[in-house]
């Protein structure tokens, strides 16, 4: 009977260490993932800020594309309505 009790105690001990290790690993994984996300967001924001300061001539090109797209959409609507 004593041998069976020792075996159960050892099994519980192993289970607790195993679950504790998995819990610590997953917690560490969550924190590392959040840290990486914060770093990437800061790098992306910094990159966007650099792009907007250096590339002012691209804004007029975007406006032209928007006007052209608007014109094409208006023509497609007119064509669809049969006007």
Protein backbone atom coordinates (compact mmCIF):
# COMPACT_ATOMS: atom_id res chain seq x y z
CA UNK A 1 0.00 0.00 0.00
CA UNK A 2 2.87 2.34 0.84
CA UNK A 3 4.40 1.75 -2.60
CA UNK A 4 1.13 2.72 -4.29
CA UNK A 5 0.94 5.92 -2.22
CA UNK A 6 4.48 6.83 -3.21
CA UNK A 7 3.64 6.18 -6.85
CA UNK A 8 0.55 8.42 -6.68
CA UNK A 9 2.53 11.18 -4.92
CA UNK A 10 5.22 10.97 -7.58
CA UNK A 11 2.59 11.14 -10.34
CA UNK A 12 0.99 14.21 -8.76
CA UNK A 13 4.41 15.81 -8.33
CA UNK A 14 5.27 15.19 -12.00
CA UNK A 15 1.87 16.50 -13.11
CA UNK A 16 2.29 19.70 -11.12
CA UNK A 17 5.78 20.34 -12.46
CA UNK A 18 4.62 19.63 -16.01
CA UNK A 19 1.58 21.91 -15.75
CA UNK A 20 3.67 24.61 -14.09
CA UNK A 21 6.25 24.48 -16.87
CA UNK A 22 3.57 24.69 -19.56
CA UNK A 23 1.88 27.60 -17.74
CA UNK A 24 5.16 29.51 -17.44
CA UNK A 25 6.06 28.83 -21.07
CA UNK A 26 2.67 30.02 -22.37
CA UNK A 27 2.76 33.11 -20.14
CA UNK A 28 6.22 33.96 -21.41
CA UNK A 29 5.02 33.40 -24.98
CA UNK A 30 2.11 35.84 -24.49
CA UNK A 31 4.38 38.55 -23.08
CA UNK A 32 7.00 38.12 -25.80
CA UNK A 33 4.28 38.28 -28.47
CA UNK A 34 2.83 41.47 -26.97
CA UNK A 35 6.30 43.00 -26.76
CA UNK A 36 6.98 42.16 -30.40
CA UNK A 37 3.62 43.67 -31.38
CA UNK A 38 4.43 46.92 -29.57
CA UNK A 39 7.87 47.12 -31.19
CA UNK A 40 6.47 46.47 -34.68
CA UNK A 41 3.72 49.08 -34.21
CA UNK A 42 6.28 51.69 -33.14
CA UNK A 43 8.52 50.83 -36.09
CA UNK A 44 5.55 50.98 -38.48
CA UNK A 45 4.40 54.33 -37.07
CA UNK A 46 7.94 55.72 -37.34
CA UNK A 47 8.18 54.47 -40.94
CA UNK A 48 4.85 56.09 -41.83
CA UNK A 49 5.95 59.38 -40.24
CA UNK A 50 9.17 59.30 -42.28
CA UNK A 51 7.21 58.57 -45.47
CA UNK A 52 4.79 61.45 -44.97
CA UNK A 53 7.60 63.96 -44.33
CA UNK A 54 9.72 62.94 -47.31
CA UNK A 55 7.12 62.12 -49.97
CA UNK A 56 4.80 65.11 -50.28
CA UNK A 57 4.54 64.78 -54.08
CA UNK A 58 2.77 61.42 -53.70
CA UNK A 59 -0.23 63.17 -52.14
CA UNK A 60 -1.10 64.93 -55.40
CA UNK A 61 -0.80 61.62 -57.29
CA UNK A 62 -3.23 60.02 -54.84
CA UNK A 63 -5.68 62.90 -55.35
CA UNK A 64 -5.47 62.42 -59.13
CA UNK A 65 -6.16 58.73 -58.79
CA UNK A 66 -9.11 59.48 -56.56
CA UNK A 67 -10.58 61.91 -59.10
CA UNK A 68 -10.07 59.41 -61.92
CA UNK A 69 -11.65 56.65 -59.86
CA UNK A 70 -14.57 58.93 -59.01
CA UNK A 71 -15.09 59.71 -62.70
CA UNK A 72 -14.99 56.01 -63.67
CA UNK A 73 -17.50 55.12 -60.96
CA UNK A 74 -19.85 57.91 -62.06
CA UNK A 75 -19.67 56.72 -65.67
CA UNK A 76 -20.34 53.12 -64.61
CA UNK A 77 -23.41 54.20 -62.63
CA UNK A 78 -24.72 56.20 -65.56
CA UNK A 79 -24.13 53.24 -67.88
CA UNK A 80 -25.90 50.87 -65.46
CA UNK A 81 -28.94 53.15 -65.11
CA UNK A 82 -29.09 53.57 -68.88
CA UNK A 83 -28.81 57.34 -68.77
